[in-house]
Amino acid sequence: MTTDSAISEHLRPRLQALTERMNLSASDLVADALENGRSLAWQERFVDTVVRGIEAADRGDFAGEDEIAAVLDKYRPAG
């Protein structure tokens, strides 16, 4: 099935920028939004977060053992 839709002028540049950053087509991004309820703003924040994480990893900025243990303890079931 092929569907055409009009994208508003103020969303078009954001969608184009996101397709370039994610190496996906506009159709892929729209399909993801429809299938998973992910807005354009959500997708933009997601990509920004991933990029910041990669940059931190490239700098060698990783969580230490104590930080990992604290997160695991926070979510570990009481026993």
Protein backbone atom coordinates (compact mmCIF):
# COMPACT_ATOMS: atom_id res chain seq x y z
CA MET A 1 0.00 0.00 0.00
CA THR A 2 1.32 3.42 -0.90
CA THR A 3 0.16 6.48 1.01
CA ASP A 4 0.97 10.08 0.31
CA SER A 5 0.69 12.74 2.97
CA ALA A 6 1.42 16.41 3.17
CA ILE A 7 4.08 17.41 5.68
CA SER A 8 3.72 20.95 6.98
CA GLU A 9 6.35 23.50 6.02
CA HIS A 10 7.59 23.88 9.60
CA LEU A 11 8.06 20.11 10.04
CA ARG A 12 9.67 19.38 6.68
CA PRO A 13 13.19 20.71 7.55
CA ARG A 14 13.17 18.87 10.89
CA LEU A 15 12.12 15.64 9.20
CA GLN A 16 14.79 16.09 6.51
CA ALA A 17 17.51 16.73 9.11
CA LEU A 18 16.46 13.66 11.08
CA THR A 19 16.44 11.43 7.98
CA GLU A 20 20.02 12.51 7.28
CA ARG A 21 21.17 11.96 10.87
CA MET A 22 19.54 8.54 11.11
CA ASN A 23 20.21 7.44 7.53
CA LEU A 24 16.52 6.54 7.13
CA SER A 25 13.87 7.64 4.72
CA ALA A 26 11.09 10.00 5.71
CA SER A 27 8.69 7.09 5.17
CA ASP A 28 10.63 4.99 7.70
CA LEU A 29 10.44 7.76 10.31
CA VAL A 30 6.73 8.34 9.73
CA ALA A 31 6.06 4.59 9.89
CA ASP A 32 7.98 4.37 13.19
CA ALA A 33 5.96 7.28 14.57
CA LEU A 34 2.69 5.63 13.59
CA GLU A 35 3.64 2.13 14.74
CA ASN A 36 5.31 3.09 18.02
CA GLY A 37 3.84 6.46 18.94
CA ARG A 38 7.17 8.24 18.61
CA SER A 39 6.82 11.92 17.79
CA LEU A 40 9.35 13.83 15.74
CA ALA A 41 10.47 15.58 18.94
CA TRP A 42 10.95 12.19 20.66
CA GLN A 43 13.02 10.92 17.72
CA GLU A 44 15.15 14.09 17.73
CA ARG A 45 15.82 13.73 21.48
CA PHE A 46 16.64 10.03 21.02
CA VAL A 47 19.23 10.77 18.33
CA ASP A 48 20.73 13.59 20.41
CA THR A 49 21.04 11.26 23.40
CA VAL A 50 22.68 8.52 21.34
CA VAL A 51 25.14 11.01 19.82
CA ARG A 52 26.05 12.35 23.28
CA GLY A 53 26.55 8.78 24.51
CA ILE A 54 28.83 7.93 21.62
CA GLU A 55 30.83 11.12 22.19
CA ALA A 56 31.19 10.26 25.89
CA ALA A 57 32.32 6.73 25.03
CA ASP A 58 34.84 8.11 22.54
CA ARG A 59 36.26 10.23 25.40
CA GLY A 60 36.47 7.10 27.58
CA ASP A 61 33.75 8.40 29.90
CA PHE A 62 32.16 5.18 31.16
CA ALA A 63 30.32 4.31 34.35
CA GLY A 64 32.54 2.91 37.07
CA GLU A 65 31.90 -0.30 38.96
CA ASP A 66 30.35 1.56 41.91
CA GLU A 67 27.95 3.44 39.63
CA ILE A 68 26.88 0.23 37.90
CA ALA A 69 26.38 -1.54 41.23
CA ALA A 70 24.21 1.36 42.48
CA VAL A 71 21.94 1.11 39.43
CA LEU A 72 21.70 -2.67 39.69
CA ASP A 73 20.92 -2.45 43.40
CA LYS A 74 18.23 0.13 42.73
CA TYR A 75 16.36 -2.23 40.40
CA ARG A 76 17.25 -5.57 41.98
CA PRO A 77 14.28 -7.28 43.63
CA ALA A 78 14.38 -7.36 47.42
CA GLY A 79 15.35 -10.76 48.60
